[in-house]
PDB file of N, CA and C in Angstrom:
ATOM      1  N   UNK A   1       0.839  -1.166   0.000  1.00  0.00           N
ATOM      2  CA  UNK A   1       0.000   0.000   0.000  1.00  0.00           C
ATOM      3  C   UNK A   1       0.889   1.234   0.000  1.00  0.00           C
ATOM      4  N   UNK A   2       0.555   2.146  -0.856  1.00  0.00           N
ATOM      5  CA  UNK A   2       1.345   3.378  -0.973  1.00  0.00           C
ATOM      6  C   UNK A   2       0.726   4.489  -0.138  1.00  0.00           C
ATOM      7  N   UNK A   3       1.545   5.276   0.523  1.00  0.00           N
ATOM      8  CA  UNK A   3       1.088   6.450   1.259  1.00  0.00           C
ATOM      9  C   UNK A   3       1.245   7.674   0.376  1.00  0.00           C
ATOM     10  N   UNK A   4       0.213   8.503   0.332  1.00  0.00           N
ATOM     11  CA  UNK A   4       0.219   9.722  -0.469  1.00  0.00           C
ATOM     12  C   UNK A   4      -0.295  10.845   0.421  1.00  0.00           C
ATOM     13  N   UNK A   5       0.360  12.004   0.367  1.00  0.00           N
ATOM     14  CA  UNK A   5      -0.108  13.136   1.166  1.00  0.00           C
ATOM     15  C   UNK A   5      -1.413  13.675   0.583  1.00  0.00           C
ATOM     16  N   UNK A   6      -2.175  14.344   1.407  1.00  0.00           N
ATOM     17  CA  UNK A   6      -3.449  14.903   0.964  1.00  0.00           C
ATOM     18  C   UNK A   6      -3.254  15.886  -0.188  1.00  0.00           C
ATOM     19  N   UNK A   7      -2.247  16.727  -0.086  1.00  0.00           N
ATOM     20  CA  UNK A   7      -1.982  17.701  -1.156  1.00  0.00           C
ATOM     21  C   UNK A   7      -1.660  16.994  -2.467  1.00  0.00           C
ATOM     22  N   UNK A   8      -0.856  15.942  -2.392  1.00  0.00           N
ATOM     23  CA  UNK A   8      -0.513  15.185  -3.592  1.00  0.00           C
ATOM     24  C   UNK A   8      -1.735  14.458  -4.144  1.00  0.00           C
ATOM     25  N   UNK A   9      -2.589  13.939  -3.248  1.00  0.00           N
ATOM     26  CA  UNK A   9      -3.793  13.237  -3.685  1.00  0.00           C
ATOM     27  C   UNK A   9      -4.738  14.187  -4.421  1.00  0.00           C
ATOM     28  N   UNK A  10      -4.843  15.424  -3.944  1.00  0.00           N
ATOM     29  CA  UNK A  10      -5.685  16.400  -4.627  1.00  0.00           C
ATOM     30  C   UNK A  10      -5.185  16.649  -6.045  1.00  0.00           C
ATOM     31  N   UNK A  11      -3.882  16.750  -6.182  1.00  0.00           N
ATOM     32  CA  UNK A  11      -3.294  17.054  -7.488  1.00  0.00           C
ATOM     33  C   UNK A  11      -3.368  15.872  -8.445  1.00  0.00           C
ATOM     34  N   UNK A  12      -3.366  14.648  -7.912  1.00  0.00           N
ATOM     35  CA  UNK A  12      -3.314  13.448  -8.763  1.00  0.00           C
ATOM     36  C   UNK A  12      -4.523  12.540  -8.564  1.00  0.00           C
ATOM     37  N   UNK A  13      -5.672  13.102  -8.223  1.00  0.00           N
ATOM     38  CA  UNK A  13      -6.834  12.293  -7.875  1.00  0.00           C
ATOM     39  C   UNK A  13      -7.244  11.324  -8.982  1.00  0.00           C
ATOM     40  N   UNK A  14      -7.301  11.774 -10.213  1.00  0.00           N
ATOM     41  CA  UNK A  14      -7.707  10.897 -11.318  1.00  0.00           C
ATOM     42  C   UNK A  14      -6.781   9.689 -11.437  1.00  0.00           C
ATOM     43  N   UNK A  15      -5.500   9.932 -11.357  1.00  0.00           N
ATOM     44  CA  UNK A  15      -4.523   8.835 -11.441  1.00  0.00           C
ATOM     45  C   UNK A  15      -4.707   7.860 -10.282  1.00  0.00           C
ATOM     46  N   UNK A  16      -4.888   8.381  -9.070  1.00  0.00           N
ATOM     47  CA  UNK A  16      -5.036   7.512  -7.902  1.00  0.00           C
ATOM     48  C   UNK A  16      -6.317   6.692  -7.962  1.00  0.00           C
ATOM     49  N   UNK A  17      -7.391   7.287  -8.466  1.00  0.00           N
ATOM     50  CA  UNK A  17      -8.649   6.547  -8.606  1.00  0.00           C
ATOM     51  C   UNK A  17      -8.489   5.430  -9.626  1.00  0.00           C
ATOM     52  N   UNK A  18      -7.814   5.683 -10.717  1.00  0.00           N
ATOM     53  CA  UNK A  18      -7.568   4.637 -11.717  1.00  0.00           C
ATOM     54  C   UNK A  18      -6.763   3.478 -11.125  1.00  0.00           C
ATOM     55  N   UNK A  19      -5.750   3.817 -10.352  1.00  0.00           N
ATOM     56  CA  UNK A  19      -4.933   2.772  -9.720  1.00  0.00           C
ATOM     57  C   UNK A  19      -5.754   1.974  -8.721  1.00  0.00           C
ATOM     58  N   UNK A  20      -6.605   2.649  -7.971  1.00  0.00           N
ATOM     59  CA  UNK A  20      -7.468   1.950  -7.013  1.00  0.00           C
ATOM     60  C   UNK A  20      -8.445   1.037  -7.748  1.00  0.00           C
ATOM     61  N   UNK A  21      -8.972   1.489  -8.874  1.00  0.00           N
ATOM     62  CA  UNK A  21      -9.893   0.668  -9.661  1.00  0.00           C
ATOM     63  C   UNK A  21      -9.214  -0.590 -10.185  1.00  0.00           C
ATOM     64  N   UNK A  22      -7.911  -0.530 -10.407  1.00  0.00           N
ATOM     65  CA  UNK A  22      -7.158  -1.705 -10.871  1.00  0.00           C
ATOM     66  C   UNK A  22      -6.806  -2.647  -9.730  1.00  0.00           C
ATOM     67  N   UNK A  23      -7.149  -2.271  -8.489  1.00  0.00           N
ATOM     68  CA  UNK A  23      -6.917  -3.166  -7.368  1.00  0.00           C
ATOM     69  C   UNK A  23      -5.897  -2.707  -6.348  1.00  0.00           C
ATOM     70  N   UNK A  24      -5.208  -1.619  -6.615  1.00  0.00           N
ATOM     71  CA  UNK A  24      -4.233  -1.107  -5.649  1.00  0.00           C
ATOM     72  C   UNK A  24      -4.954  -0.397  -4.508  1.00  0.00           C
ATOM     73  N   UNK A  25      -4.357  -0.382  -3.344  1.00  0.00           N
ATOM     74  CA  UNK A  25      -4.868   0.400  -2.227  1.00  0.00           C
ATOM     75  C   UNK A  25      -3.913   1.560  -1.980  1.00  0.00           C
ATOM     76  N   UNK A  26      -4.467   2.743  -1.799  1.00  0.00           N
ATOM     77  CA  UNK A  26      -3.669   3.935  -1.576  1.00  0.00           C
ATOM     78  C   UNK A  26      -4.145   4.581  -0.277  1.00  0.00           C
ATOM     79  N   UNK A  27      -3.212   4.825   0.631  1.00  0.00           N
ATOM     80  CA  UNK A  27      -3.530   5.461   1.909  1.00  0.00           C
ATOM     81  C   UNK A  27      -3.204   6.942   1.788  1.00  0.00           C
ATOM     82  N   UNK A  28      -4.145   7.795   2.191  1.00  0.00           N
ATOM     83  CA  UNK A  28      -3.957   9.237   2.144  1.00  0.00           C
ATOM     84  C   UNK A  28      -3.623   9.716   3.554  1.00  0.00           C
ATOM     85  N   UNK A  29      -2.560  10.499   3.645  1.00  0.00           N
ATOM     86  CA  UNK A  29      -2.098  10.975   4.952  1.00  0.00           C
ATOM     87  C   UNK A  29      -2.203  12.494   5.034  1.00  0.00           C
ATOM     88  N   UNK A  30      -2.387  12.971   6.267  1.00  0.00           N
ATOM     89  CA  UNK A  30      -2.369  14.405   6.542  1.00  0.00           C
ATOM     90  C   UNK A  30      -1.478  14.598   7.766  1.00  0.00           C
ATOM     91  N   UNK A  31      -0.439  15.376   7.582  1.00  0.00           N
ATOM     92  CA  UNK A  31       0.548  15.622   8.643  1.00  0.00           C
ATOM     93  C   UNK A  31       1.140  14.313   9.162  1.00  0.00           C
ATOM     94  N   UNK A  32       1.345  13.376   8.239  1.00  0.00           N
ATOM     95  CA  UNK A  32       1.999  12.118   8.592  1.00  0.00           C
ATOM     96  C   UNK A  32       1.095  11.038   9.162  1.00  0.00           C
ATOM     97  N   UNK A  33      -0.184  11.336   9.344  1.00  0.00           N
ATOM     98  CA  UNK A  33      -1.112  10.348   9.891  1.00  0.00           C
ATOM     99  C   UNK A  33      -2.124   9.935   8.832  1.00  0.00           C
ATOM    100  N   UNK A  34      -2.416   8.641   8.748  1.00  0.00           N
ATOM    101  CA  UNK A  34      -3.381   8.135   7.778  1.00  0.00           C
ATOM    102  C   UNK A  34      -4.775   8.648   8.116  1.00  0.00           C
ATOM    103  N   UNK A  35      -5.461   9.209   7.101  1.00  0.00           N
ATOM    104  CA  UNK A  35      -6.808   9.744   7.313  1.00  0.00           C
ATOM    105  C   UNK A  35      -7.843   9.126   6.377  1.00  0.00           C
ATOM    106  N   UNK A  36      -7.400   8.507   5.297  1.00  0.00           N
ATOM    107  CA  UNK A  36      -8.336   7.911   4.342  1.00  0.00           C
ATOM    108  C   UNK A  36      -7.613   6.852   3.523  1.00  0.00           C
ATOM    109  N   UNK A  37      -8.413   6.050   2.835  1.00  0.00           N
ATOM    110  CA  UNK A  37      -7.836   5.007   1.991  1.00  0.00           C
ATOM    111  C   UNK A  37      -8.670   4.883   0.724  1.00  0.00           C
ATOM    112  N   UNK A  38      -8.010   4.788  -0.413  1.00  0.00           N
ATOM    113  CA  UNK A  38      -8.663   4.532  -1.687  1.00  0.00           C
ATOM    114  C   UNK A  38      -8.465   3.069  -2.036  1.00  0.00           C
ATOM    115  N   UNK A  39      -9.558   2.405  -2.347  1.00  0.00           N
ATOM    116  CA  UNK A  39      -9.474   1.024  -2.799  1.00  0.00           C
ATOM    117  C   UNK A  39     -10.646   0.736  -3.717  1.00  0.00           C
ATOM    118  N   UNK A  40     -10.564  -0.330  -4.449  1.00  0.00           N
ATOM    119  CA  UNK A  40     -11.587  -0.687  -5.423  1.00  0.00           C
ATOM    120  C   UNK A  40     -12.846  -1.198  -4.733  1.00  0.00           C
ATOM    121  N   UNK A  41     -14.001  -0.868  -5.292  1.00  0.00           N
ATOM    122  CA  UNK A  41     -15.267  -1.395  -4.798  1.00  0.00           C
ATOM    123  C   UNK A  41     -15.578  -2.750  -5.411  1.00  0.00           C
ATOM    124  N   UNK A  42     -15.041  -3.005  -6.579  1.00  0.00           N
ATOM    125  CA  UNK A  42     -15.321  -4.262  -7.266  1.00  0.00           C
ATOM    126  C   UNK A  42     -14.619  -5.418  -6.589  1.00  0.00           C
ATOM    127  N   UNK A  43     -15.369  -6.440  -6.346  1.00  0.00           N
ATOM    128  CA  UNK A  43     -14.775  -7.643  -5.798  1.00  0.00           C
ATOM    129  C   UNK A  43     -14.280  -8.503  -6.960  1.00  0.00           C
ATOM    130  N   UNK A  44     -13.261  -9.270  -6.704  1.00  0.00           N
ATOM    131  CA  UNK A  44     -12.717 -10.133  -7.740  1.00  0.00           C
ATOM    132  C   UNK A  44     -13.736 -11.232  -8.028  1.00  0.00           C
ATOM    133  N   UNK A  45     -14.077 -11.374  -9.277  1.00  0.00           N
ATOM    134  CA  UNK A  45     -15.049 -12.390  -9.665  1.00  0.00           C
ATOM    135  C   UNK A  45     -14.376 -13.741  -9.800  1.00  0.00           C
ATOM    136  N   UNK A  46     -15.061 -14.748  -9.313  1.00  0.00           N
ATOM    137  CA  UNK A  46     -14.552 -16.102  -9.451  1.00  0.00           C
ATOM    138  C   UNK A  46     -15.013 -16.661 -10.794  1.00  0.00           C
ATOM    139  N   UNK A  47     -14.168 -17.402 -11.469  1.00  0.00           N
ATOM    140  CA  UNK A  47     -14.612 -17.999 -12.733  1.00  0.00           C
ATOM    141  C   UNK A  47     -15.680 -19.061 -12.471  1.00  0.00           C
ATOM    142  N   UNK A  48     -16.615 -19.167 -13.394  1.00  0.00           N
ATOM    143  CA  UNK A  48     -17.687 -20.148 -13.273  1.00  0.00           C
ATOM    144  C   UNK A  48     -17.196 -21.480 -13.818  1.00  0.00           C
ATOM    145  N   UNK A  49     -17.429 -22.530 -13.044  1.00  0.00           N
ATOM    146  CA  UNK A  49     -17.044 -23.854 -13.517  1.00  0.00           C
ATOM    147  C   UNK A  49     -18.092 -24.326 -14.523  1.00  0.00           C
ATOM    148  N   UNK A  50     -17.661 -24.642 -15.713  1.00  0.00           N
ATOM    149  CA  UNK A  50     -18.569 -25.024 -16.782  1.00  0.00           C
ATOM    150  C   UNK A  50     -19.361 -26.280 -16.424  1.00  0.00           C
ATOM    151  N   UNK A  51     -18.714 -27.267 -15.837  1.00  0.00           N
ATOM    152  CA  UNK A  51     -19.397 -28.515 -15.486  1.00  0.00           C
ATOM    153  C   UNK A  51     -20.499 -28.272 -14.456  1.00  0.00           C
ATOM    154  N   UNK A  52     -20.244 -27.419 -13.480  1.00  0.00           N
ATOM    155  CA  UNK A  52     -21.252 -27.119 -12.460  1.00  0.00           C
ATOM    156  C   UNK A  52     -22.434 -26.370 -13.076  1.00  0.00           C
ATOM    157  N   UNK A  53     -22.159 -25.451 -13.991  1.00  0.00           N
ATOM    158  CA  UNK A  53     -23.222 -24.712 -14.660  1.00  0.00           C
ATOM    159  C   UNK A  53     -24.070 -25.644 -15.518  1.00  0.00           C
ATOM    160  N   UNK A  54     -23.428 -26.542 -16.239  1.00  0.00           N
ATOM    161  CA  UNK A  54     -24.167 -27.492 -17.070  1.00  0.00           C
ATOM    162  C   UNK A  54     -25.017 -28.425 -16.210  1.00  0.00           C
ATOM    163  N   UNK A  55     -24.497 -28.855 -15.059  1.00  0.00           N
ATOM    164  CA  UNK A  55     -25.261 -29.723 -14.171  1.00  0.00           C
ATOM    165  C   UNK A  55     -26.476 -28.977 -13.614  1.00  0.00           C
ATOM    166  N   UNK A  56     -26.299 -27.716 -13.286  1.00  0.00           N
ATOM    167  CA  UNK A  56     -27.402 -26.920 -12.763  1.00  0.00           C
ATOM    168  C   UNK A  56     -28.495 -26.744 -13.804  1.00  0.00           C
ATOM    169  N   UNK A  57     -28.122 -26.387 -15.012  1.00  0.00           N
ATOM    170  CA  UNK A  57     -29.125 -26.160 -16.047  1.00  0.00           C
ATOM    171  C   UNK A  57     -29.777 -27.473 -16.489  1.00  0.00           C
ATOM    172  N   UNK A  58     -29.060 -28.576 -16.449  1.00  0.00           N
ATOM    173  CA  UNK A  58     -29.652 -29.865 -16.815  1.00  0.00           C
ATOM    174  C   UNK A  58     -30.705 -30.291 -15.796  1.00  0.00           C
ATOM    175  N   UNK A  59     -30.560 -29.865 -14.550  1.00  0.00           N
ATOM    176  CA  UNK A  59     -31.509 -30.239 -13.497  1.00  0.00           C
ATOM    177  C   UNK A  59     -32.773 -29.382 -13.530  1.00  0.00           C
ATOM    178  N   UNK A  60     -32.758 -28.292 -14.275  1.00  0.00           N
ATOM    179  CA  UNK A  60     -33.927 -27.404 -14.338  1.00  0.00           C
ATOM    180  C   UNK A  60     -34.990 -28.003 -15.259  1.00  0.00           C
ATOM    181  N   UNK A  61     -36.257 -27.915 -14.845  1.00  0.00           N
ATOM    182  CA  UNK A  61     -37.317 -28.432 -15.715  1.00  0.00           C
ATOM    183  C   UNK A  61     -37.521 -27.510 -16.914  1.00  0.00           C
ATOM    184  N   UNK A  62     -37.953 -28.088 -18.027  1.00  0.00           N
ATOM    185  CA  UNK A  62     -38.239 -27.302 -19.222  1.00  0.00           C
ATOM    186  C   UNK A  62     -39.548 -26.564 -19.046  1.00  0.00           C
ATOM    187  N   UNK A  63     -39.681 -25.428 -19.694  1.00  0.00           N
ATOM    188  CA  UNK A  63     -40.920 -24.667 -19.635  1.00  0.00           C
ATOM    189  C   UNK A  63     -41.992 -25.411 -20.429  1.00  0.00           C
ATOM    190  N   UNK A  64     -43.209 -25.493 -19.901  1.00  0.00           N
ATOM    191  CA  UNK A  64     -44.258 -26.205 -20.624  1.00  0.00           C
ATOM    192  C   UNK A  64     -44.796 -25.433 -21.825  1.00  0.00           C
ATOM    193  N   UNK A  65     -44.572 -24.105 -21.873  1.00  0.00           N
ATOM    194  CA  UNK A  65     -45.045 -23.291 -22.989  1.00  0.00           C
ATOM    195  C   UNK A  65     -43.983 -22.245 -23.325  1.00  0.00           C
ATOM    196  N   UNK A  66     -44.025 -21.721 -24.531  1.00  0.00           N
ATOM    197  CA  UNK A  66     -43.060 -20.676 -24.890  1.00  0.00           C
ATOM    198  C   UNK A  66     -43.232 -19.442 -23.999  1.00  0.00           C
ATOM    199  N   UNK A  67     -42.146 -18.751 -23.766  1.00  0.00           N
ATOM    200  CA  UNK A  67     -42.159 -17.586 -22.884  1.00  0.00           C
ATOM    201  C   UNK A  67     -43.116 -16.509 -23.388  1.00  0.00           C
ATOM    202  N   UNK A  68     -43.221 -16.326 -24.692  1.00  0.00           N
ATOM    203  CA  UNK A  68     -44.112 -15.289 -25.225  1.00  0.00           C
ATOM    204  C   UNK A  68     -45.572 -15.588 -24.892  1.00  0.00           C
ATOM    205  N   UNK A  69     -45.967 -16.868 -24.996  1.00  0.00           N
ATOM    206  CA  UNK A  69     -47.342 -17.237 -24.661  1.00  0.00           C
ATOM    207  C   UNK A  69     -47.595 -17.088 -23.165  1.00  0.00           C
ATOM    208  N   UNK A  70     -46.626 -17.460 -22.349  1.00  0.00           N
ATOM    209  CA  UNK A  70     -46.760 -17.343 -20.902  1.00  0.00           C
ATOM    210  C   UNK A  70     -46.932 -15.876 -20.506  1.00  0.00           C
ATOM    211  N   UNK A  71     -46.125 -15.011 -21.105  1.00  0.00           N
ATOM    212  CA  UNK A  71     -46.186 -13.588 -20.781  1.00  0.00           C
ATOM    213  C   UNK A  71     -47.528 -12.996 -21.188  1.00  0.00           C
ATOM    214  N   UNK A  72     -48.022 -13.349 -22.369  1.00  0.00           N
ATOM    215  CA  UNK A  72     -49.332 -12.854 -22.795  1.00  0.00           C
ATOM    216  C   UNK A  72     -50.425 -13.313 -21.835  1.00  0.00           C
ATOM    217  N   UNK A  73     -50.356 -14.572 -21.400  1.00  0.00           N
ATOM    218  CA  UNK A  73     -51.361 -15.117 -20.495  1.00  0.00           C
ATOM    219  C   UNK A  73     -51.300 -14.385 -19.141  1.00  0.00           C
ATOM    220  N   UNK A  74     -50.094 -14.175 -18.612  1.00  0.00           N
ATOM    221  CA  UNK A  74     -49.950 -13.510 -17.329  1.00  0.00           C
ATOM    222  C   UNK A  74     -50.422 -12.063 -17.407  1.00  0.00           C
ATOM    223  N   UNK A  75     -50.072 -11.371 -18.474  1.00  0.00           N
ATOM    224  CA  UNK A  75     -50.519  -9.978 -18.644  1.00  0.00           C
ATOM    225  C   UNK A  75     -52.023  -9.918 -18.793  1.00  0.00           C
ATOM    226  N   UNK A  76     -52.603 -10.867 -19.508  1.00  0.00           N
ATOM    227  CA  UNK A  76     -54.054 -10.893 -19.695  1.00  0.00           C
ATOM    228  C   UNK A  76     -54.783 -11.143 -18.400  1.00  0.00           C
ATOM    229  N   UNK A  77     -54.231 -11.964 -17.524  1.00  0.00           N
ATOM    230  CA  UNK A  77     -54.871 -12.267 -16.244  1.00  0.00           C
ATOM    231  C   UNK A  77     -54.855 -11.059 -15.315  1.00  0.00           C
ATOM    232  N   UNK A  78     -53.897 -10.153 -15.486  1.00  0.00           N
ATOM    233  CA  UNK A  78     -53.750  -9.015 -14.583  1.00  0.00           C
ATOM    234  C   UNK A  78     -54.671  -7.845 -14.978  1.00  0.00           C
ATOM    235  N   UNK A  79     -55.226  -7.902 -16.167  1.00  0.00           N
ATOM    236  CA  UNK A  79     -56.094  -6.800 -16.606  1.00  0.00           C
ATOM    237  C   UNK A  79     -57.451  -6.909 -15.938  1.00  0.00           C
ATOM    238  N   UNK A  80     -58.110  -5.783 -15.801  1.00  0.00           N
ATOM    239  CA  UNK A  80     -59.422  -5.770 -15.147  1.00  0.00           C
ATOM    240  C   UNK A  80     -60.509  -5.239 -16.025  1.00  0.00           C
TER     241      UNK A  80
END
């Protein structure tokens, strides 16, 4: 983690935000004491296992009617 002074962070905010978005953590200091930290909000995504996805979808029942017909029927039932 890199320490950056508040004055430097103000001058280089765009650069520091880009670095934080790439996964780096940046600590902002004022008078030598840490006061804030920049880090990414995005969590690292785990890759999906193809075999597990195929097993999940194979276990799902098939729709008894096409989605367009189902949607028309549901919309028709909601009308008054």
